[in-house]
């Protein structure tokens, strides 16, 4: 009998708490609507803080991040977008919050960290992604082509492990697109390409991933025939593997290659930037144990 009374009391408490939380969130939603219609940024921020005080939620954190971003308050904006991501209920919301954080990284000169966050956000976001995200990602990719990606930044793409969205609908295997440079219409690495491959080798032989296996996938732009580009992409991936193993013998038997030709274009346009971004070697984790 006492057990039934206790169970009834617990159920009543749970119902009361749920009802109280629902009331708080209705009040939070009211404050959020007030924030959207407020006349000044300061007033909007004040209403958003009221909303978050009674019911932390994605919309209020995200809007607060945008307001702080527009005011140049980078740290406050980043904190708000982190909280927005923590309260995201969908992969779309999570991706938007992550991409906004990437914008802040780009604005503060952290180009490769921004690129990594943009790449993750784009892969998390359901189709179609918003124009602002597509544009920001493309600009980040173009910037990355202008300088060598250091080993430390390459490793940061690969060491994060498989990323699973908060709604558990998406899993992202670690990978990085490298703008490896070749002589025109050839599979021979040029001087800049060799320097980039050297940085890649340093990354792949770091202690944390020193026994992992990777897939090197060659890609071309869409100029030329499909058959020709397929062979060229295979040769380029093989050239990268050979150069890596020559310079870093510890990578022997840890690398596999494939060519995808023009079948997985990042961009279907005809600008030189589109062609440049499509010509790449993608490095993807196969397994975290040494292959035989």
C-alpha atoms as a PDB file:
ATOM      1  CA  UNK A   1       0.000   0.000   0.000  1.00  0.00           C
ATOM      2  CA  UNK A   2       2.792   2.387   0.946  1.00  0.00           C
ATOM      3  CA  UNK A   3       4.495   1.506  -2.320  1.00  0.00           C
ATOM      4  CA  UNK A   4       1.404   2.487  -4.308  1.00  0.00           C
ATOM      5  CA  UNK A   5       1.141   5.785  -2.421  1.00  0.00           C
ATOM      6  CA  UNK A   6       4.814   6.514  -3.089  1.00  0.00           C
ATOM      7  CA  UNK A   7       4.445   5.666  -6.772  1.00  0.00           C
ATOM      8  CA  UNK A   8       1.392   7.909  -6.994  1.00  0.00           C
ATOM      9  CA  UNK A   9       3.308  10.755  -5.385  1.00  0.00           C
ATOM     10  CA  UNK A  10       6.197  10.321  -7.819  1.00  0.00           C
ATOM     11  CA  UNK A  11       3.850  10.312 -10.806  1.00  0.00           C
ATOM     12  CA  UNK A  12       2.161  13.464  -9.530  1.00  0.00           C
ATOM     13  CA  UNK A  13       5.546  15.133  -9.123  1.00  0.00           C
ATOM     14  CA  UNK A  14       6.579  14.151 -12.658  1.00  0.00           C
ATOM     15  CA  UNK A  15       3.306  15.481 -14.091  1.00  0.00           C
ATOM     16  CA  UNK A  16       3.694  18.706 -12.122  1.00  0.00           C
ATOM     17  CA  UNK A  17       7.291  19.204 -13.301  1.00  0.00           C
ATOM     18  CA  UNK A  18       6.340  18.532 -16.909  1.00  0.00           C
ATOM     19  CA  UNK A  19       3.423  20.950 -16.667  1.00  0.00           C
ATOM     20  CA  UNK A  20       5.651  23.595 -15.071  1.00  0.00           C
ATOM     21  CA  UNK A  21       8.298  23.172 -17.770  1.00  0.00           C
ATOM     22  CA  UNK A  22       5.649  23.498 -20.482  1.00  0.00           C
ATOM     23  CA  UNK A  23       4.403  26.727 -18.912  1.00  0.00           C
ATOM     24  CA  UNK A  24       7.967  28.072 -18.741  1.00  0.00           C
ATOM     25  CA  UNK A  25       8.532  27.291 -22.413  1.00  0.00           C
ATOM     26  CA  UNK A  26       5.281  28.974 -23.416  1.00  0.00           C
ATOM     27  CA  UNK A  27       6.515  32.041 -21.567  1.00  0.00           C
ATOM     28  CA  UNK A  28       9.905  31.665 -23.237  1.00  0.00           C
ATOM     29  CA  UNK A  29       8.222  31.528 -26.642  1.00  0.00           C
ATOM     30  CA  UNK A  30       6.294  34.703 -25.790  1.00  0.00           C
ATOM     31  CA  UNK A  31       9.548  36.480 -24.932  1.00  0.00           C
ATOM     32  CA  UNK A  32      11.121  35.175 -28.150  1.00  0.00           C
ATOM     33  CA  UNK A  33       8.275  36.660 -30.218  1.00  0.00           C
ATOM     34  CA  UNK A  34       8.766  39.950 -28.370  1.00  0.00           C
ATOM     35  CA  UNK A  35      12.457  39.833 -29.279  1.00  0.00           C
ATOM     36  CA  UNK A  36      11.713  39.402 -32.978  1.00  0.00           C
ATOM     37  CA  UNK A  37       9.478  42.474 -33.002  1.00  0.00           C
ATOM     38  CA  UNK A  38      11.669  44.683 -30.787  1.00  0.00           C
ATOM     39  CA  UNK A  39      12.826  47.968 -32.319  1.00  0.00           C
ATOM     40  CA  UNK A  40      16.544  47.841 -31.448  1.00  0.00           C
ATOM     41  CA  UNK A  41      19.238  45.197 -31.172  1.00  0.00           C
ATOM     42  CA  UNK A  42      19.642  45.958 -27.488  1.00  0.00           C
ATOM     43  CA  UNK A  43      15.961  45.342 -26.838  1.00  0.00           C
ATOM     44  CA  UNK A  44      16.041  42.119 -28.835  1.00  0.00           C
ATOM     45  CA  UNK A  45      19.001  40.878 -26.809  1.00  0.00           C
ATOM     46  CA  UNK A  46      17.209  41.730 -23.551  1.00  0.00           C
ATOM     47  CA  UNK A  47      14.074  39.816 -24.560  1.00  0.00           C
ATOM     48  CA  UNK A  48      16.138  36.846 -25.702  1.00  0.00           C
ATOM     49  CA  UNK A  49      17.899  36.637 -22.366  1.00  0.00           C
ATOM     50  CA  UNK A  50      14.493  36.630 -20.687  1.00  0.00           C
ATOM     51  CA  UNK A  51      13.400  33.823 -22.984  1.00  0.00           C
ATOM     52  CA  UNK A  52      16.500  31.759 -22.254  1.00  0.00           C
ATOM     53  CA  UNK A  53      16.220  32.339 -18.517  1.00  0.00           C
ATOM     54  CA  UNK A  54      12.892  30.503 -18.381  1.00  0.00           C
ATOM     55  CA  UNK A  55      13.346  28.024 -21.238  1.00  0.00           C
ATOM     56  CA  UNK A  56      16.702  27.538 -22.999  1.00  0.00           C
ATOM     57  CA  UNK A  57      15.992  26.739 -26.660  1.00  0.00           C
ATOM     58  CA  UNK A  58      17.656  26.663 -30.063  1.00  0.00           C
ATOM     59  CA  UNK A  59      15.806  29.592 -31.671  1.00  0.00           C
ATOM     60  CA  UNK A  60      16.634  32.075 -28.931  1.00  0.00           C
ATOM     61  CA  UNK A  61      20.296  31.034 -28.705  1.00  0.00           C
ATOM     62  CA  UNK A  62      20.671  31.139 -32.488  1.00  0.00           C
ATOM     63  CA  UNK A  63      19.100  34.590 -32.814  1.00  0.00           C
ATOM     64  CA  UNK A  64      21.225  35.842 -29.936  1.00  0.00           C
ATOM     65  CA  UNK A  65      24.336  34.567 -31.704  1.00  0.00           C
ATOM     66  CA  UNK A  66      23.401  36.431 -34.883  1.00  0.00           C
ATOM     67  CA  UNK A  67      22.855  39.666 -32.946  1.00  0.00           C
ATOM     68  CA  UNK A  68      26.188  39.393 -31.160  1.00  0.00           C
ATOM     69  CA  UNK A  69      27.888  38.503 -34.465  1.00  0.00           C
ATOM     70  CA  UNK A  70      26.482  41.631 -36.122  1.00  0.00           C
ATOM     71  CA  UNK A  71      27.770  43.695 -33.209  1.00  0.00           C
ATOM     72  CA  UNK A  72      31.249  42.232 -33.551  1.00  0.00           C
ATOM     73  CA  UNK A  73      31.086  40.478 -30.170  1.00  0.00           C
ATOM     74  CA  UNK A  74      32.869  37.361 -31.387  1.00  0.00           C
ATOM     75  CA  UNK A  75      33.228  35.491 -28.097  1.00  0.00           C
ATOM     76  CA  UNK A  76      29.636  36.125 -27.036  1.00  0.00           C
ATOM     77  CA  UNK A  77      28.402  35.104 -30.478  1.00  0.00           C
ATOM     78  CA  UNK A  78      30.442  31.897 -30.419  1.00  0.00           C
ATOM     79  CA  UNK A  79      29.123  30.982 -26.959  1.00  0.00           C
ATOM     80  CA  UNK A  80      25.554  31.545 -28.154  1.00  0.00           C
ATOM     81  CA  UNK A  81      26.035  29.363 -31.238  1.00  0.00           C
ATOM     82  CA  UNK A  82      27.608  26.628 -29.096  1.00  0.00           C
ATOM     83  CA  UNK A  83      24.507  26.670 -26.910  1.00  0.00           C
ATOM     84  CA  UNK A  84      22.290  26.710 -30.014  1.00  0.00           C
ATOM     85  CA  UNK A  85      24.044  23.569 -31.234  1.00  0.00           C
ATOM     86  CA  UNK A  86      23.592  21.937 -27.841  1.00  0.00           C
ATOM     87  CA  UNK A  87      19.846  22.609 -28.003  1.00  0.00           C
ATOM     88  CA  UNK A  88      19.422  21.662 -31.673  1.00  0.00           C
ATOM     89  CA  UNK A  89      16.666  19.143 -32.204  1.00  0.00           C
ATOM     90  CA  UNK A  90      17.453  18.414 -35.851  1.00  0.00           C
ATOM     91  CA  UNK A  91      20.555  17.938 -37.992  1.00  0.00           C
ATOM     92  CA  UNK A  92      19.530  21.077 -39.936  1.00  0.00           C
ATOM     93  CA  UNK A  93      19.550  23.228 -36.811  1.00  0.00           C
ATOM     94  CA  UNK A  94      22.827  21.666 -35.644  1.00  0.00           C
ATOM     95  CA  UNK A  95      24.410  22.339 -39.045  1.00  0.00           C
ATOM     96  CA  UNK A  96      23.288  25.981 -39.071  1.00  0.00           C
ATOM     97  CA  UNK A  97      24.741  26.635 -35.629  1.00  0.00           C
ATOM     98  CA  UNK A  98      28.027  24.955 -36.586  1.00  0.00           C
ATOM     99  CA  UNK A  99      28.270  26.935 -39.828  1.00  0.00           C
ATOM    100  CA  UNK A 100      27.746  30.198 -37.957  1.00  0.00           C
ATOM    101  CA  UNK A 101      30.625  29.264 -35.659  1.00  0.00           C
ATOM    102  CA  UNK A 102      32.674  28.594 -38.791  1.00  0.00           C
ATOM    103  CA  UNK A 103      31.936  32.127 -39.996  1.00  0.00           C
ATOM    104  CA  UNK A 104      33.415  33.463 -36.767  1.00  0.00           C
ATOM    105  CA  UNK A 105      36.521  31.326 -37.217  1.00  0.00           C
ATOM    106  CA  UNK A 106      36.952  32.639 -40.759  1.00  0.00           C
ATOM    107  CA  UNK A 107      36.477  36.228 -39.584  1.00  0.00           C
ATOM    108  CA  UNK A 108      39.276  35.806 -37.034  1.00  0.00           C
ATOM    109  CA  UNK A 109      41.718  34.331 -39.549  1.00  0.00           C
ATOM    110  CA  UNK A 110      41.410  30.680 -38.487  1.00  0.00           C
ATOM    111  CA  UNK A 111      40.950  29.559 -42.083  1.00  0.00           C
ATOM    112  CA  UNK A 112      41.465  25.814 -41.851  1.00  0.00           C
ATOM    113  CA  UNK A 113      39.485  25.464 -38.630  1.00  0.00           C
ATOM    114  CA  UNK A 114      36.693  27.368 -40.385  1.00  0.00           C
ATOM    115  CA  UNK A 115      36.925  25.082 -43.409  1.00  0.00           C
ATOM    116  CA  UNK A 116      36.640  21.983 -41.226  1.00  0.00           C
ATOM    117  CA  UNK A 117      33.536  23.361 -39.493  1.00  0.00           C
ATOM    118  CA  UNK A 118      31.952  24.420 -42.808  1.00  0.00           C
ATOM    119  CA  UNK A 119      32.609  20.980 -44.296  1.00  0.00           C
ATOM    120  CA  UNK A 120      31.015  19.242 -41.322  1.00  0.00           C
ATOM    121  CA  UNK A 121      28.048  21.594 -41.353  1.00  0.00           C
ATOM    122  CA  UNK A 122      27.429  21.072 -45.057  1.00  0.00           C
ATOM    123  CA  UNK A 123      27.492  17.293 -44.696  1.00  0.00           C
ATOM    124  CA  UNK A 124      25.085  17.477 -41.749  1.00  0.00           C
ATOM    125  CA  UNK A 125      22.624  19.818 -43.462  1.00  0.00           C
ATOM    126  CA  UNK A 126      19.761  18.167 -45.394  1.00  0.00           C
ATOM    127  CA  UNK A 127      19.291  19.218 -49.007  1.00  0.00           C
ATOM    128  CA  UNK A 128      19.028  21.953 -49.984  1.00  0.00           C
ATOM    129  CA  UNK A 129      21.556  23.873 -47.899  1.00  0.00           C
ATOM    130  CA  UNK A 130      20.982  27.643 -47.596  1.00  0.00           C
ATOM    131  CA  UNK A 131      22.805  29.941 -50.027  1.00  0.00           C
ATOM    132  CA  UNK A 132      24.796  31.610 -47.255  1.00  0.00           C
ATOM    133  CA  UNK A 133      26.249  28.250 -46.189  1.00  0.00           C
ATOM    134  CA  UNK A 134      27.102  27.206 -49.748  1.00  0.00           C
ATOM    135  CA  UNK A 135      28.788  30.557 -50.428  1.00  0.00           C
ATOM    136  CA  UNK A 136      30.738  30.562 -47.167  1.00  0.00           C
ATOM    137  CA  UNK A 137      31.944  26.996 -47.741  1.00  0.00           C
ATOM    138  CA  UNK A 138      33.062  27.742 -51.292  1.00  0.00           C
ATOM    139  CA  UNK A 139      34.969  30.847 -50.180  1.00  0.00           C
ATOM    140  CA  UNK A 140      36.658  28.817 -47.435  1.00  0.00           C
ATOM    141  CA  UNK A 141      37.668  26.167 -49.957  1.00  0.00           C
ATOM    142  CA  UNK A 142      39.091  28.781 -52.324  1.00  0.00           C
ATOM    143  CA  UNK A 143      41.151  30.295 -49.505  1.00  0.00           C
ATOM    144  CA  UNK A 144      42.512  26.857 -48.625  1.00  0.00           C
ATOM    145  CA  UNK A 145      43.754  26.389 -52.203  1.00  0.00           C
ATOM    146  CA  UNK A 146      45.956  29.458 -51.989  1.00  0.00           C
ATOM    147  CA  UNK A 147      48.190  28.160 -49.201  1.00  0.00           C
ATOM    148  CA  UNK A 148      49.548  24.809 -48.096  1.00  0.00           C
ATOM    149  CA  UNK A 149      47.468  23.056 -45.473  1.00  0.00           C
ATOM    150  CA  UNK A 150      49.832  22.300 -42.565  1.00  0.00           C
ATOM    151  CA  UNK A 151      50.089  18.802 -41.124  1.00  0.00           C
ATOM    152  CA  UNK A 152      48.461  19.873 -37.867  1.00  0.00           C
ATOM    153  CA  UNK A 153      45.356  21.136 -39.667  1.00  0.00           C
ATOM    154  CA  UNK A 154      45.149  18.045 -41.885  1.00  0.00           C
ATOM    155  CA  UNK A 155      45.276  15.898 -38.766  1.00  0.00           C
ATOM    156  CA  UNK A 156      42.502  17.950 -37.172  1.00  0.00           C
ATOM    157  CA  UNK A 157      40.139  16.820 -39.955  1.00  0.00           C
ATOM    158  CA  UNK A 158      41.042  13.170 -39.420  1.00  0.00           C
ATOM    159  CA  UNK A 159      41.432  12.869 -35.656  1.00  0.00           C
ATOM    160  CA  UNK A 160      37.930  14.013 -34.709  1.00  0.00           C
ATOM    161  CA  UNK A 161      36.466  10.541 -35.186  1.00  0.00           C
ATOM    162  CA  UNK A 162      33.124   9.728 -36.757  1.00  0.00           C
ATOM    163  CA  UNK A 163      30.672  12.575 -36.181  1.00  0.00           C
ATOM    164  CA  UNK A 164      27.043  11.653 -35.446  1.00  0.00           C
ATOM    165  CA  UNK A 165      24.306  14.287 -35.638  1.00  0.00           C
ATOM    166  CA  UNK A 166      22.254  15.006 -32.532  1.00  0.00           C
ATOM    167  CA  UNK A 167      19.156  13.482 -34.089  1.00  0.00           C
ATOM    168  CA  UNK A 168      21.368  10.454 -34.972  1.00  0.00           C
ATOM    169  CA  UNK A 169      20.297  10.575 -38.620  1.00  0.00           C
ATOM    170  CA  UNK A 170      23.771  11.379 -39.994  1.00  0.00           C
ATOM    171  CA  UNK A 171      27.209   9.891 -39.415  1.00  0.00           C
ATOM    172  CA  UNK A 172      30.236  11.619 -40.933  1.00  0.00           C
ATOM    173  CA  UNK A 173      33.401   9.606 -41.503  1.00  0.00           C
ATOM    174  CA  UNK A 174      36.586  11.652 -41.047  1.00  0.00           C
ATOM    175  CA  UNK A 175      38.012  12.998 -44.308  1.00  0.00           C
ATOM    176  CA  UNK A 176      39.698  15.996 -45.888  1.00  0.00           C
ATOM    177  CA  UNK A 177      39.816  17.371 -49.439  1.00  0.00           C
ATOM    178  CA  UNK A 178      43.329  18.457 -50.384  1.00  0.00           C
ATOM    179  CA  UNK A 179      44.013  20.701 -53.382  1.00  0.00           C
ATOM    180  CA  UNK A 180      47.063  18.671 -54.443  1.00  0.00           C
ATOM    181  CA  UNK A 181      48.743  20.335 -57.418  1.00  0.00           C
ATOM    182  CA  UNK A 182      49.806  18.445 -60.563  1.00  0.00           C
ATOM    183  CA  UNK A 183      51.345  19.563 -63.818  1.00  0.00           C
ATOM    184  CA  UNK A 184      48.639  20.402 -66.349  1.00  0.00           C
ATOM    185  CA  UNK A 185      46.935  17.330 -67.799  1.00  0.00           C
ATOM    186  CA  UNK A 186      49.468  15.062 -66.086  1.00  0.00           C
ATOM    187  CA  UNK A 187      49.647  12.817 -63.059  1.00  0.00           C
ATOM    188  CA  UNK A 188      53.050  14.153 -62.002  1.00  0.00           C
ATOM    189  CA  UNK A 189      53.121  16.174 -58.799  1.00  0.00           C
ATOM    190  CA  UNK A 190      54.564  19.638 -59.251  1.00  0.00           C
ATOM    191  CA  UNK A 191      56.752  21.352 -56.636  1.00  0.00           C
ATOM    192  CA  UNK A 192      53.794  22.743 -54.717  1.00  0.00           C
ATOM    193  CA  UNK A 193      52.096  19.352 -54.864  1.00  0.00           C
ATOM    194  CA  UNK A 194      55.130  17.647 -53.355  1.00  0.00           C
ATOM    195  CA  UNK A 195      55.180  20.179 -50.517  1.00  0.00           C
ATOM    196  CA  UNK A 196      51.501  19.511 -49.786  1.00  0.00           C
ATOM    197  CA  UNK A 197      52.052  15.759 -49.870  1.00  0.00           C
ATOM    198  CA  UNK A 198      54.889  16.189 -47.381  1.00  0.00           C
ATOM    199  CA  UNK A 199      52.496  17.906 -44.974  1.00  0.00           C
ATOM    200  CA  UNK A 200      49.987  15.108 -45.544  1.00  0.00           C
ATOM    201  CA  UNK A 201      52.627  12.505 -44.724  1.00  0.00           C
ATOM    202  CA  UNK A 202      53.523  14.287 -41.501  1.00  0.00           C
ATOM    203  CA  UNK A 203      49.842  14.249 -40.535  1.00  0.00           C
ATOM    204  CA  UNK A 204      49.315  10.568 -41.322  1.00  0.00           C
ATOM    205  CA  UNK A 205      52.328   9.526 -39.268  1.00  0.00           C
ATOM    206  CA  UNK A 206      51.363  11.406 -36.111  1.00  0.00           C
ATOM    207  CA  UNK A 207      51.177   9.257 -32.979  1.00  0.00           C
ATOM    208  CA  UNK A 208      47.393   9.393 -32.635  1.00  0.00           C
ATOM    209  CA  UNK A 209      46.703   8.073 -36.129  1.00  0.00           C
ATOM    210  CA  UNK A 210      49.995   6.329 -36.751  1.00  0.00           C
ATOM    211  CA  UNK A 211      48.365   2.906 -37.250  1.00  0.00           C
ATOM    212  CA  UNK A 212      45.252   3.974 -39.143  1.00  0.00           C
ATOM    213  CA  UNK A 213      44.507   3.079 -42.766  1.00  0.00           C
ATOM    214  CA  UNK A 214      43.359   5.631 -45.337  1.00  0.00           C
ATOM    215  CA  UNK A 215      41.779   5.799 -48.768  1.00  0.00           C
ATOM    216  CA  UNK A 216      43.215   8.297 -51.264  1.00  0.00           C
ATOM    217  CA  UNK A 217      40.596   9.231 -53.857  1.00  0.00           C
ATOM    218  CA  UNK A 218      41.565  11.205 -56.955  1.00  0.00           C
ATOM    219  CA  UNK A 219      39.105  13.653 -58.548  1.00  0.00           C
ATOM    220  CA  UNK A 220      39.299  15.757 -61.716  1.00  0.00           C
ATOM    221  CA  UNK A 221      37.409  18.697 -63.132  1.00  0.00           C
ATOM    222  CA  UNK A 222      34.842  18.067 -65.875  1.00  0.00           C
ATOM    223  CA  UNK A 223      36.965  19.141 -68.834  1.00  0.00           C
ATOM    224  CA  UNK A 224      37.916  16.226 -71.066  1.00  0.00           C
ATOM    225  CA  UNK A 225      36.075  12.955 -71.614  1.00  0.00           C
ATOM    226  CA  UNK A 226      34.710  10.918 -68.727  1.00  0.00           C
ATOM    227  CA  UNK A 227      36.909   7.941 -69.626  1.00  0.00           C
ATOM    228  CA  UNK A 228      40.047  10.060 -69.802  1.00  0.00           C
ATOM    229  CA  UNK A 229      39.296  11.786 -66.491  1.00  0.00           C
ATOM    230  CA  UNK A 230      38.675   8.460 -64.793  1.00  0.00           C
ATOM    231  CA  UNK A 231      42.122   7.172 -65.762  1.00  0.00           C
ATOM    232  CA  UNK A 232      43.740  10.503 -64.865  1.00  0.00           C
ATOM    233  CA  UNK A 233      42.148  10.510 -61.404  1.00  0.00           C
ATOM    234  CA  UNK A 234      43.395   6.972 -60.761  1.00  0.00           C
ATOM    235  CA  UNK A 235      46.928   7.890 -61.836  1.00  0.00           C
ATOM    236  CA  UNK A 236      46.943  10.992 -59.654  1.00  0.00           C
ATOM    237  CA  UNK A 237      45.791   9.088 -56.576  1.00  0.00           C
ATOM    238  CA  UNK A 238      48.497   6.493 -57.279  1.00  0.00           C
ATOM    239  CA  UNK A 239      51.130   9.229 -57.631  1.00  0.00           C
ATOM    240  CA  UNK A 240      50.176  10.599 -54.227  1.00  0.00           C
ATOM    241  CA  UNK A 241      50.429   7.117 -52.679  1.00  0.00           C
ATOM    242  CA  UNK A 242      53.835   6.440 -54.227  1.00  0.00           C
ATOM    243  CA  UNK A 243      55.242   9.791 -53.111  1.00  0.00           C
ATOM    244  CA  UNK A 244      53.861   9.364 -49.592  1.00  0.00           C
ATOM    245  CA  UNK A 245      55.347   5.884 -49.214  1.00  0.00           C
ATOM    246  CA  UNK A 246      58.676   7.036 -50.652  1.00  0.00           C
ATOM    247  CA  UNK A 247      58.953   9.897 -48.172  1.00  0.00           C
ATOM    248  CA  UNK A 248      57.274   8.132 -45.254  1.00  0.00           C
ATOM    249  CA  UNK A 249      57.987   4.364 -45.346  1.00  0.00           C
ATOM    250  CA  UNK A 250      55.816   3.864 -42.242  1.00  0.00           C
ATOM    251  CA  UNK A 251      52.776   4.476 -44.483  1.00  0.00           C
ATOM    252  CA  UNK A 252      53.488   1.363 -46.510  1.00  0.00           C
ATOM    253  CA  UNK A 253      50.436  -0.958 -46.647  1.00  0.00           C
ATOM    254  CA  UNK A 254      48.287   1.674 -44.910  1.00  0.00           C
ATOM    255  CA  UNK A 255      47.118   3.429 -48.063  1.00  0.00           C
ATOM    256  CA  UNK A 256      44.624   2.421 -50.728  1.00  0.00           C
ATOM    257  CA  UNK A 257      43.710   4.400 -53.838  1.00  0.00           C
ATOM    258  CA  UNK A 258      40.700   4.992 -56.042  1.00  0.00           C
ATOM    259  CA  UNK A 259      39.843   7.343 -58.872  1.00  0.00           C
ATOM    260  CA  UNK A 260      36.418   8.907 -59.267  1.00  0.00           C
ATOM    261  CA  UNK A 261      37.154  11.043 -62.322  1.00  0.00           C
ATOM    262  CA  UNK A 262      34.520  13.736 -62.740  1.00  0.00           C
ATOM    263  CA  UNK A 263      31.715  11.729 -61.147  1.00  0.00           C
ATOM    264  CA  UNK A 264      31.755  13.569 -57.795  1.00  0.00           C
ATOM    265  CA  UNK A 265      32.214  17.217 -58.713  1.00  0.00           C
ATOM    266  CA  UNK A 266      32.066  19.683 -55.859  1.00  0.00           C
ATOM    267  CA  UNK A 267      30.834  22.337 -58.310  1.00  0.00           C
ATOM    268  CA  UNK A 268      29.245  22.026 -61.725  1.00  0.00           C
ATOM    269  CA  UNK A 269      30.157  25.538 -62.899  1.00  0.00           C
ATOM    270  CA  UNK A 270      32.667  26.512 -65.551  1.00  0.00           C
ATOM    271  CA  UNK A 271      34.721  29.119 -63.719  1.00  0.00           C
ATOM    272  CA  UNK A 272      38.395  28.527 -63.058  1.00  0.00           C
ATOM    273  CA  UNK A 273      37.598  28.432 -59.341  1.00  0.00           C
ATOM    274  CA  UNK A 274      35.114  25.611 -59.932  1.00  0.00           C
ATOM    275  CA  UNK A 275      37.697  23.632 -61.912  1.00  0.00           C
ATOM    276  CA  UNK A 276      40.367  24.262 -59.264  1.00  0.00           C
ATOM    277  CA  UNK A 277      38.149  23.035 -56.441  1.00  0.00           C
ATOM    278  CA  UNK A 278      37.100  19.929 -58.361  1.00  0.00           C
ATOM    279  CA  UNK A 279      40.740  18.882 -58.890  1.00  0.00           C
ATOM    280  CA  UNK A 280      41.599  17.308 -55.576  1.00  0.00           C
ATOM    281  CA  UNK A 281      42.622  14.232 -53.640  1.00  0.00           C
ATOM    282  CA  UNK A 282      40.330  13.272 -50.792  1.00  0.00           C
ATOM    283  CA  UNK A 283      41.808  11.444 -47.814  1.00  0.00           C
ATOM    284  CA  UNK A 284      39.290   9.328 -45.895  1.00  0.00           C
ATOM    285  CA  UNK A 285      39.722   7.091 -42.869  1.00  0.00           C
ATOM    286  CA  UNK A 286      39.212   3.398 -43.675  1.00  0.00           C
ATOM    287  CA  UNK A 287      39.923   1.917 -40.250  1.00  0.00           C
ATOM    288  CA  UNK A 288      41.687   2.767 -37.025  1.00  0.00           C
ATOM    289  CA  UNK A 289      43.731  -0.442 -37.011  1.00  0.00           C
ATOM    290  CA  UNK A 290      46.627  -1.310 -39.240  1.00  0.00           C
ATOM    291  CA  UNK A 291      45.573  -3.123 -42.396  1.00  0.00           C
ATOM    292  CA  UNK A 292      47.250  -6.362 -43.433  1.00  0.00           C
END
